[in-house]
PDB file of all heavy atoms in Angstrom:
ATOM      1  N   CYS A   1      -4.543  -7.710  -1.895  1.00  0.00           N
ATOM      2  CA  CYS A   1      -4.152  -8.903  -2.654  1.00  0.00           C
ATOM      3  C   CYS A   1      -3.991 -10.127  -1.760  1.00  0.00           C
ATOM      4  O   CYS A   1      -3.738 -11.225  -2.260  1.00  0.00           O
ATOM      5  CB  CYS A   1      -2.869  -8.646  -3.433  1.00  0.00           C
ATOM      6  SG  CYS A   1      -1.415  -8.299  -2.400  1.00  0.00           S
ATOM      7  N   MET A   2      -4.110  -9.945  -0.439  1.00  0.00           N
ATOM      8  CA  MET A   2      -3.999 -11.035   0.527  1.00  0.00           C
ATOM      9  C   MET A   2      -2.670 -11.778   0.408  1.00  0.00           C
ATOM     10  O   MET A   2      -2.620 -13.006   0.498  1.00  0.00           O
ATOM     11  CB  MET A   2      -5.163 -12.042   0.352  1.00  0.00           C
ATOM     12  CG  MET A   2      -6.528 -11.434   0.524  1.00  0.00           C
ATOM     13  SD  MET A   2      -6.771 -10.754   2.181  1.00  0.00           S
ATOM     14  CE  MET A   2      -8.427 -10.074   2.065  1.00  0.00           C
ATOM     15  N   ASP A   3      -1.608 -11.023   0.206  1.00  0.00           N
ATOM     16  CA  ASP A   3      -0.291 -11.634   0.045  1.00  0.00           C
ATOM     17  C   ASP A   3       0.675 -11.018   1.049  1.00  0.00           C
ATOM     18  O   ASP A   3       0.477  -9.899   1.523  1.00  0.00           O
ATOM     19  CB  ASP A   3       0.220 -11.414  -1.384  1.00  0.00           C
ATOM     20  CG  ASP A   3       1.350 -12.360  -1.748  1.00  0.00           C
ATOM     21  OD1 ASP A   3       1.688 -13.218  -0.911  1.00  0.00           O
ATOM     22  OD2 ASP A   3       1.889 -12.250  -2.869  1.00  0.00           O
ATOM     23  N   THR A   4       1.723 -11.776   1.378  1.00  0.00           N
ATOM     24  CA  THR A   4       2.760 -11.286   2.282  1.00  0.00           C
ATOM     25  C   THR A   4       3.840 -10.588   1.469  1.00  0.00           C
ATOM     26  O   THR A   4       4.372 -11.158   0.516  1.00  0.00           O
ATOM     27  CB  THR A   4       3.371 -12.437   3.087  1.00  0.00           C
ATOM     28  OG1 THR A   4       2.321 -13.082   3.829  1.00  0.00           O
ATOM     29  CG2 THR A   4       4.420 -11.923   4.052  1.00  0.00           C
ATOM     30  N   LYS A   5       4.156  -9.362   1.841  1.00  0.00           N
ATOM     31  CA  LYS A   5       5.119  -8.545   1.109  1.00  0.00           C
ATOM     32  C   LYS A   5       6.255  -8.137   2.039  1.00  0.00           C
ATOM     33  O   LYS A   5       6.099  -8.080   3.254  1.00  0.00           O
ATOM     34  CB  LYS A   5       4.442  -7.294   0.542  1.00  0.00           C
ATOM     35  CG  LYS A   5       3.275  -7.569  -0.402  1.00  0.00           C
ATOM     36  CD  LYS A   5       3.737  -8.081  -1.738  1.00  0.00           C
ATOM     37  CE  LYS A   5       2.557  -8.222  -2.708  1.00  0.00           C
ATOM     38  NZ  LYS A   5       2.998  -8.633  -4.055  1.00  0.00           N
ATOM     39  N   THR A   6       7.395  -7.818   1.414  1.00  0.00           N
ATOM     40  CA  THR A   6       8.515  -7.305   2.187  1.00  0.00           C
ATOM     41  C   THR A   6       8.270  -5.840   2.520  1.00  0.00           C
ATOM     42  O   THR A   6       7.381  -5.191   1.950  1.00  0.00           O
ATOM     43  CB  THR A   6       9.822  -7.457   1.400  1.00  0.00           C
ATOM     44  OG1 THR A   6       9.732  -6.695   0.178  1.00  0.00           O
ATOM     45  CG2 THR A   6      10.097  -8.913   1.066  1.00  0.00           C
ATOM     46  N   ALA A   7       9.070  -5.318   3.425  1.00  0.00           N
ATOM     47  CA  ALA A   7       8.898  -3.925   3.857  1.00  0.00           C
ATOM     48  C   ALA A   7       9.087  -2.962   2.691  1.00  0.00           C
ATOM     49  O   ALA A   7       8.413  -1.933   2.602  1.00  0.00           O
ATOM     50  CB  ALA A   7       9.881  -3.612   4.977  1.00  0.00           C
ATOM     51  N   SER A   8      10.001  -3.281   1.776  1.00  0.00           N
ATOM     52  CA  SER A   8      10.250  -2.393   0.634  1.00  0.00           C
ATOM     53  C   SER A   8       9.106  -2.409  -0.370  1.00  0.00           C
ATOM     54  O   SER A   8       8.986  -1.494  -1.182  1.00  0.00           O
ATOM     55  CB  SER A   8      11.549  -2.795  -0.074  1.00  0.00           C
ATOM     56  OG  SER A   8      11.475  -4.130  -0.541  1.00  0.00           O
ATOM     57  N   GLU A   9       8.247  -3.431  -0.339  1.00  0.00           N
ATOM     58  CA  GLU A   9       7.128  -3.534  -1.265  1.00  0.00           C
ATOM     59  C   GLU A   9       5.855  -2.916  -0.707  1.00  0.00           C
ATOM     60  O   GLU A   9       4.847  -2.853  -1.410  1.00  0.00           O
ATOM     61  CB  GLU A   9       6.856  -5.006  -1.597  1.00  0.00           C
ATOM     62  CG  GLU A   9       7.962  -5.688  -2.372  1.00  0.00           C
ATOM     63  CD  GLU A   9       7.690  -7.171  -2.591  1.00  0.00           C
ATOM     64  OE1 GLU A   9       7.309  -7.852  -1.614  1.00  0.00           O
ATOM     65  OE2 GLU A   9       7.865  -7.635  -3.730  1.00  0.00           O
ATOM     66  N   MET A  10       5.868  -2.441   0.523  1.00  0.00           N
ATOM     67  CA  MET A  10       4.680  -1.866   1.150  1.00  0.00           C
ATOM     68  C   MET A  10       4.616  -0.364   0.914  1.00  0.00           C
ATOM     69  O   MET A  10       5.641   0.305   0.775  1.00  0.00           O
ATOM     70  CB  MET A  10       4.678  -2.164   2.642  1.00  0.00           C
ATOM     71  CG  MET A  10       4.622  -3.652   2.970  1.00  0.00           C
ATOM     72  SD  MET A  10       3.162  -4.479   2.310  1.00  0.00           S
ATOM     73  CE  MET A  10       1.873  -3.727   3.320  1.00  0.00           C
ATOM     74  N   PHE A  11       3.388   0.155   0.844  1.00  0.00           N
ATOM     75  CA  PHE A  11       3.150   1.576   0.618  1.00  0.00           C
ATOM     76  C   PHE A  11       3.063   2.301   1.953  1.00  0.00           C
ATOM     77  O   PHE A  11       2.358   1.861   2.859  1.00  0.00           O
ATOM     78  CB  PHE A  11       1.857   1.775  -0.173  1.00  0.00           C
ATOM     79  CG  PHE A  11       1.398   3.213  -0.244  1.00  0.00           C
ATOM     80  CD1 PHE A  11       2.065   4.134  -1.024  1.00  0.00           C
ATOM     81  CD2 PHE A  11       0.295   3.626   0.493  1.00  0.00           C
ATOM     82  CE1 PHE A  11       1.627   5.449  -1.082  1.00  0.00           C
ATOM     83  CE2 PHE A  11      -0.137   4.932   0.437  1.00  0.00           C
ATOM     84  CZ  PHE A  11       0.538   5.846  -0.358  1.00  0.00           C
ATOM     85  N   GLU A  12       3.773   3.392   2.055  1.00  0.00           N
ATOM     86  CA  GLU A  12       3.737   4.206   3.270  1.00  0.00           C
ATOM     87  C   GLU A  12       2.973   5.486   2.985  1.00  0.00           C
ATOM     88  O   GLU A  12       3.430   6.345   2.232  1.00  0.00           O
ATOM     89  CB  GLU A  12       5.157   4.528   3.734  1.00  0.00           C
ATOM     90  CG  GLU A  12       5.207   5.315   5.038  1.00  0.00           C
ATOM     91  CD  GLU A  12       6.623   5.592   5.493  1.00  0.00           C
ATOM     92  OE1 GLU A  12       7.562   5.154   4.810  1.00  0.00           O
ATOM     93  OE2 GLU A  12       6.781   6.250   6.533  1.00  0.00           O
ATOM     94  N   ASN A  13       1.783   5.607   3.558  1.00  0.00           N
ATOM     95  CA  ASN A  13       0.923   6.759   3.324  1.00  0.00           C
ATOM     96  C   ASN A  13       1.324   7.898   4.253  1.00  0.00           C
ATOM     97  O   ASN A  13       0.956   7.922   5.422  1.00  0.00           O
ATOM     98  CB  ASN A  13      -0.539   6.378   3.543  1.00  0.00           C
ATOM     99  CG  ASN A  13      -1.484   7.503   3.163  1.00  0.00           C
ATOM    100  OD1 ASN A  13      -1.074   8.493   2.556  1.00  0.00           O
ATOM    101  ND2 ASN A  13      -2.744   7.365   3.508  1.00  0.00           N
ATOM    102  N   THR A  14       2.094   8.825   3.731  1.00  0.00           N
ATOM    103  CA  THR A  14       2.524   9.981   4.522  1.00  0.00           C
ATOM    104  C   THR A  14       1.460  11.067   4.583  1.00  0.00           C
ATOM    105  O   THR A  14       1.613  12.028   5.326  1.00  0.00           O
ATOM    106  CB  THR A  14       3.812  10.563   3.930  1.00  0.00           C
ATOM    107  OG1 THR A  14       3.588  10.932   2.548  1.00  0.00           O
ATOM    108  CG2 THR A  14       4.950   9.547   3.988  1.00  0.00           C
ATOM    109  N   SER A  15       0.372  10.923   3.800  1.00  0.00           N
ATOM    110  CA  SER A  15      -0.687  11.938   3.786  1.00  0.00           C
ATOM    111  C   SER A  15      -1.726  11.703   4.871  1.00  0.00           C
ATOM    112  O   SER A  15      -2.558  12.554   5.128  1.00  0.00           O
ATOM    113  CB  SER A  15      -1.378  11.951   2.419  1.00  0.00           C
ATOM    114  OG  SER A  15      -0.447  12.186   1.389  1.00  0.00           O
ATOM    115  N   SER A  16      -1.709  10.543   5.500  1.00  0.00           N
ATOM    116  CA  SER A  16      -2.710  10.215   6.510  1.00  0.00           C
ATOM    117  C   SER A  16      -2.049   9.412   7.626  1.00  0.00           C
ATOM    118  O   SER A  16      -0.965   8.877   7.463  1.00  0.00           O
ATOM    119  CB  SER A  16      -3.856   9.410   5.879  1.00  0.00           C
ATOM    120  OG  SER A  16      -4.797   9.035   6.860  1.00  0.00           O
ATOM    121  N   VAL A  17      -2.728   9.357   8.764  1.00  0.00           N
ATOM    122  CA  VAL A  17      -2.200   8.618   9.912  1.00  0.00           C
ATOM    123  C   VAL A  17      -3.108   7.442  10.251  1.00  0.00           C
ATOM    124  O   VAL A  17      -3.143   6.994  11.387  1.00  0.00           O
ATOM    125  CB  VAL A  17      -2.068   9.550  11.137  1.00  0.00           C
ATOM    126  CG1 VAL A  17      -0.992  10.578  10.904  1.00  0.00           C
ATOM    127  CG2 VAL A  17      -3.401  10.242  11.451  1.00  0.00           C
ATOM    128  N   CYS A  18      -3.827   6.914   9.241  1.00  0.00           N
ATOM    129  CA  CYS A  18      -4.759   5.812   9.509  1.00  0.00           C
ATOM    130  C   CYS A  18      -4.009   4.529   9.828  1.00  0.00           C
ATOM    131  O   CYS A  18      -4.528   3.687  10.560  1.00  0.00           O
ATOM    132  CB  CYS A  18      -5.685   5.604   8.317  1.00  0.00           C
ATOM    133  SG  CYS A  18      -4.856   5.084   6.793  1.00  0.00           S
ATOM    134  N   GLY A  19      -2.836   4.319   9.276  1.00  0.00           N
ATOM    135  CA  GLY A  19      -2.022   3.159   9.606  1.00  0.00           C
ATOM    136  C   GLY A  19      -2.359   1.891   8.862  1.00  0.00           C
ATOM    137  O   GLY A  19      -1.766   0.848   9.134  1.00  0.00           O
ATOM    138  N   HIS A  20      -3.306   1.922   7.909  1.00  0.00           N
ATOM    139  CA  HIS A  20      -3.628   0.709   7.157  1.00  0.00           C
ATOM    140  C   HIS A  20      -2.501   0.405   6.169  1.00  0.00           C
ATOM    141  O   HIS A  20      -1.998   1.296   5.485  1.00  0.00           O
ATOM    142  CB  HIS A  20      -4.956   0.882   6.418  1.00  0.00           C
ATOM    143  CG  HIS A  20      -6.131   0.977   7.339  1.00  0.00           C
ATOM    144  ND1 HIS A  20      -6.900   2.121   7.452  1.00  0.00           N
ATOM    145  CD2 HIS A  20      -6.645   0.081   8.217  1.00  0.00           C
ATOM    146  CE1 HIS A  20      -7.854   1.925   8.343  1.00  0.00           C
ATOM    147  NE2 HIS A  20      -7.719   0.692   8.826  1.00  0.00           N
ATOM    148  N   MET A  21      -2.135  -0.884   6.115  1.00  0.00           N
ATOM    149  CA  MET A  21      -0.987  -1.304   5.322  1.00  0.00           C
ATOM    150  C   MET A  21      -1.448  -2.018   4.053  1.00  0.00           C
ATOM    151  O   MET A  21      -2.228  -2.974   4.106  1.00  0.00           O
ATOM    152  CB  MET A  21      -0.098  -2.238   6.145  1.00  0.00           C
ATOM    153  CG  MET A  21       0.462  -1.601   7.400  1.00  0.00           C
ATOM    154  SD  MET A  21       1.674  -0.310   7.042  1.00  0.00           S
ATOM    155  CE  MET A  21       3.003  -1.298   6.380  1.00  0.00           C
ATOM    156  N   TYR A  22      -0.967  -1.532   2.904  1.00  0.00           N
ATOM    157  CA  TYR A  22      -1.224  -2.165   1.615  1.00  0.00           C
ATOM    158  C   TYR A  22       0.056  -2.102   0.793  1.00  0.00           C
ATOM    159  O   TYR A  22       0.895  -1.222   0.991  1.00  0.00           O
ATOM    160  CB  TYR A  22      -2.362  -1.465   0.861  1.00  0.00           C
ATOM    161  CG  TYR A  22      -3.663  -1.440   1.626  1.00  0.00           C
ATOM    162  CD1 TYR A  22      -4.067  -0.300   2.320  1.00  0.00           C
ATOM    163  CD2 TYR A  22      -4.493  -2.562   1.657  1.00  0.00           C
ATOM    164  CE1 TYR A  22      -5.248  -0.279   3.034  1.00  0.00           C
ATOM    165  CE2 TYR A  22      -5.683  -2.543   2.368  1.00  0.00           C
ATOM    166  CZ  TYR A  22      -6.054  -1.399   3.052  1.00  0.00           C
ATOM    167  OH  TYR A  22      -7.224  -1.380   3.757  1.00  0.00           O
ATOM    168  N   CYS A  23       0.189  -3.022  -0.157  1.00  0.00           N
ATOM    169  CA  CYS A  23       1.401  -3.029  -0.975  1.00  0.00           C
ATOM    170  C   CYS A  23       1.320  -1.941  -2.043  1.00  0.00           C
ATOM    171  O   CYS A  23       0.239  -1.462  -2.392  1.00  0.00           O
ATOM    172  CB  CYS A  23       1.617  -4.406  -1.609  1.00  0.00           C
ATOM    173  SG  CYS A  23       0.415  -4.851  -2.884  1.00  0.00           S
ATOM    174  N   SER A  24       2.458  -1.576  -2.588  1.00  0.00           N
ATOM    175  CA  SER A  24       2.535  -0.483  -3.564  1.00  0.00           C
ATOM    176  C   SER A  24       1.787  -0.824  -4.845  1.00  0.00           C
ATOM    177  O   SER A  24       1.167   0.053  -5.463  1.00  0.00           O
ATOM    178  CB  SER A  24       4.008  -0.179  -3.874  1.00  0.00           C
ATOM    179  OG  SER A  24       4.682   0.250  -2.713  1.00  0.00           O
ATOM    180  N   ASP A  25       1.800  -2.088  -5.271  1.00  0.00           N
ATOM    181  CA  ASP A  25       1.102  -2.468  -6.496  1.00  0.00           C
ATOM    182  C   ASP A  25      -0.396  -2.260  -6.366  1.00  0.00           C
ATOM    183  O   ASP A  25      -1.049  -1.752  -7.295  1.00  0.00           O
ATOM    184  CB  ASP A  25       1.398  -3.936  -6.827  1.00  0.00           C
ATOM    185  CG  ASP A  25       2.854  -4.164  -7.213  1.00  0.00           C
ATOM    186  OD1 ASP A  25       3.501  -3.185  -7.636  1.00  0.00           O
ATOM    187  OD2 ASP A  25       3.336  -5.300  -7.087  1.00  0.00           O
ATOM    188  N   CYS A  26      -0.970  -2.637  -5.245  1.00  0.00           N
ATOM    189  CA  CYS A  26      -2.413  -2.473  -5.047  1.00  0.00           C
ATOM    190  C   CYS A  26      -2.805  -1.001  -4.928  1.00  0.00           C
ATOM    191  O   CYS A  26      -3.842  -0.581  -5.450  1.00  0.00           O
ATOM    192  CB  CYS A  26      -2.857  -3.245  -3.812  1.00  0.00           C
ATOM    193  SG  CYS A  26      -2.752  -5.052  -4.000  1.00  0.00           S
ATOM    194  N   ILE A  27      -1.998  -0.203  -4.249  1.00  0.00           N
ATOM    195  CA  ILE A  27      -2.280   1.228  -4.127  1.00  0.00           C
ATOM    196  C   ILE A  27      -2.182   1.903  -5.488  1.00  0.00           C
ATOM    197  O   ILE A  27      -2.979   2.796  -5.818  1.00  0.00           O
ATOM    198  CB  ILE A  27      -1.319   1.887  -3.122  1.00  0.00           C
ATOM    199  CG1 ILE A  27      -1.623   1.392  -1.703  1.00  0.00           C
ATOM    200  CG2 ILE A  27      -1.417   3.403  -3.177  1.00  0.00           C
ATOM    201  CD1 ILE A  27      -2.984   1.788  -1.179  1.00  0.00           C
ATOM    202  N   ARG A  28      -1.226   1.472  -6.310  1.00  0.00           N
ATOM    203  CA  ARG A  28      -1.081   2.039  -7.656  1.00  0.00           C
ATOM    204  C   ARG A  28      -2.351   1.803  -8.470  1.00  0.00           C
ATOM    205  O   ARG A  28      -2.871   2.713  -9.134  1.00  0.00           O
ATOM    206  CB  ARG A  28       0.123   1.419  -8.355  1.00  0.00           C
ATOM    207  CG  ARG A  28       0.406   2.023  -9.742  1.00  0.00           C
ATOM    208  CD  ARG A  28       1.527   1.297 -10.444  1.00  0.00           C
ATOM    209  NE  ARG A  28       2.762   1.349  -9.677  1.00  0.00           N
ATOM    210  CZ  ARG A  28       3.313   0.313  -9.077  1.00  0.00           C
ATOM    211  NH1 ARG A  28       2.743  -0.883  -9.144  1.00  0.00           N
ATOM    212  NH2 ARG A  28       4.447   0.447  -8.412  1.00  0.00           N
ATOM    213  N   GLY A  29      -2.892   0.600  -8.444  1.00  0.00           N
ATOM    214  CA  GLY A  29      -4.129   0.305  -9.166  1.00  0.00           C
ATOM    215  C   GLY A  29      -5.331   1.029  -8.579  1.00  0.00           C
ATOM    216  O   GLY A  29      -6.207   1.483  -9.318  1.00  0.00           O
ATOM    217  N   HIS A  30      -5.375   1.150  -7.259  1.00  0.00           N
ATOM    218  CA  HIS A  30      -6.482   1.850  -6.592  1.00  0.00           C
ATOM    219  C   HIS A  30      -6.522   3.322  -6.984  1.00  0.00           C
ATOM    220  O   HIS A  30      -7.579   3.863  -7.331  1.00  0.00           O
ATOM    221  CB  HIS A  30      -6.330   1.701  -5.077  1.00  0.00           C
ATOM    222  CG  HIS A  30      -7.281   2.520  -4.273  1.00  0.00           C
ATOM    223  ND1 HIS A  30      -8.639   2.252  -4.217  1.00  0.00           N
ATOM    224  CD2 HIS A  30      -7.078   3.626  -3.491  1.00  0.00           C
ATOM    225  CE1 HIS A  30      -9.237   3.149  -3.432  1.00  0.00           C
ATOM    226  NE2 HIS A  30      -8.318   3.986  -2.978  1.00  0.00           N
ATOM    227  N   VAL A  31      -5.369   3.961  -6.969  1.00  0.00           N
ATOM    228  CA  VAL A  31      -5.299   5.382  -7.320  1.00  0.00           C
ATOM    229  C   VAL A  31      -5.645   5.595  -8.794  1.00  0.00           C
ATOM    230  O   VAL A  31      -6.402   6.519  -9.142  1.00  0.00           O
ATOM    231  CB  VAL A  31      -3.895   5.932  -7.008  1.00  0.00           C
ATOM    232  CG1 VAL A  31      -3.724   7.329  -7.592  1.00  0.00           C
ATOM    233  CG2 VAL A  31      -3.666   5.968  -5.499  1.00  0.00           C
ATOM    234  N   ALA A  32      -5.119   4.753  -9.683  1.00  0.00           N
ATOM    235  CA  ALA A  32      -5.380   4.906 -11.120  1.00  0.00           C
ATOM    236  C   ALA A  32      -6.875   4.769 -11.423  1.00  0.00           C
ATOM    237  O   ALA A  32      -7.416   5.506 -12.260  1.00  0.00           O
ATOM    238  CB  ALA A  32      -4.581   3.868 -11.900  1.00  0.00           C
ATOM    239  N   ALA A  33      -7.563   3.846 -10.743  1.00  0.00           N
ATOM    240  CA  ALA A  33      -8.996   3.662 -10.960  1.00  0.00           C
ATOM    241  C   ALA A  33      -9.786   4.888 -10.506  1.00  0.00           C
ATOM    242  O   ALA A  33     -10.737   5.308 -11.177  1.00  0.00           O
ATOM    243  CB  ALA A  33      -9.474   2.413 -10.223  1.00  0.00           C
TER     244      ALA A  33
END
């Protein structure tokens, strides 16, 4: 979304160690699609 988010709004991927940071809203839409 190209937006600045707080730490609580970011998604933490515990299933992988890739380290890419995305917000929870964008990950929610990505997974649903």
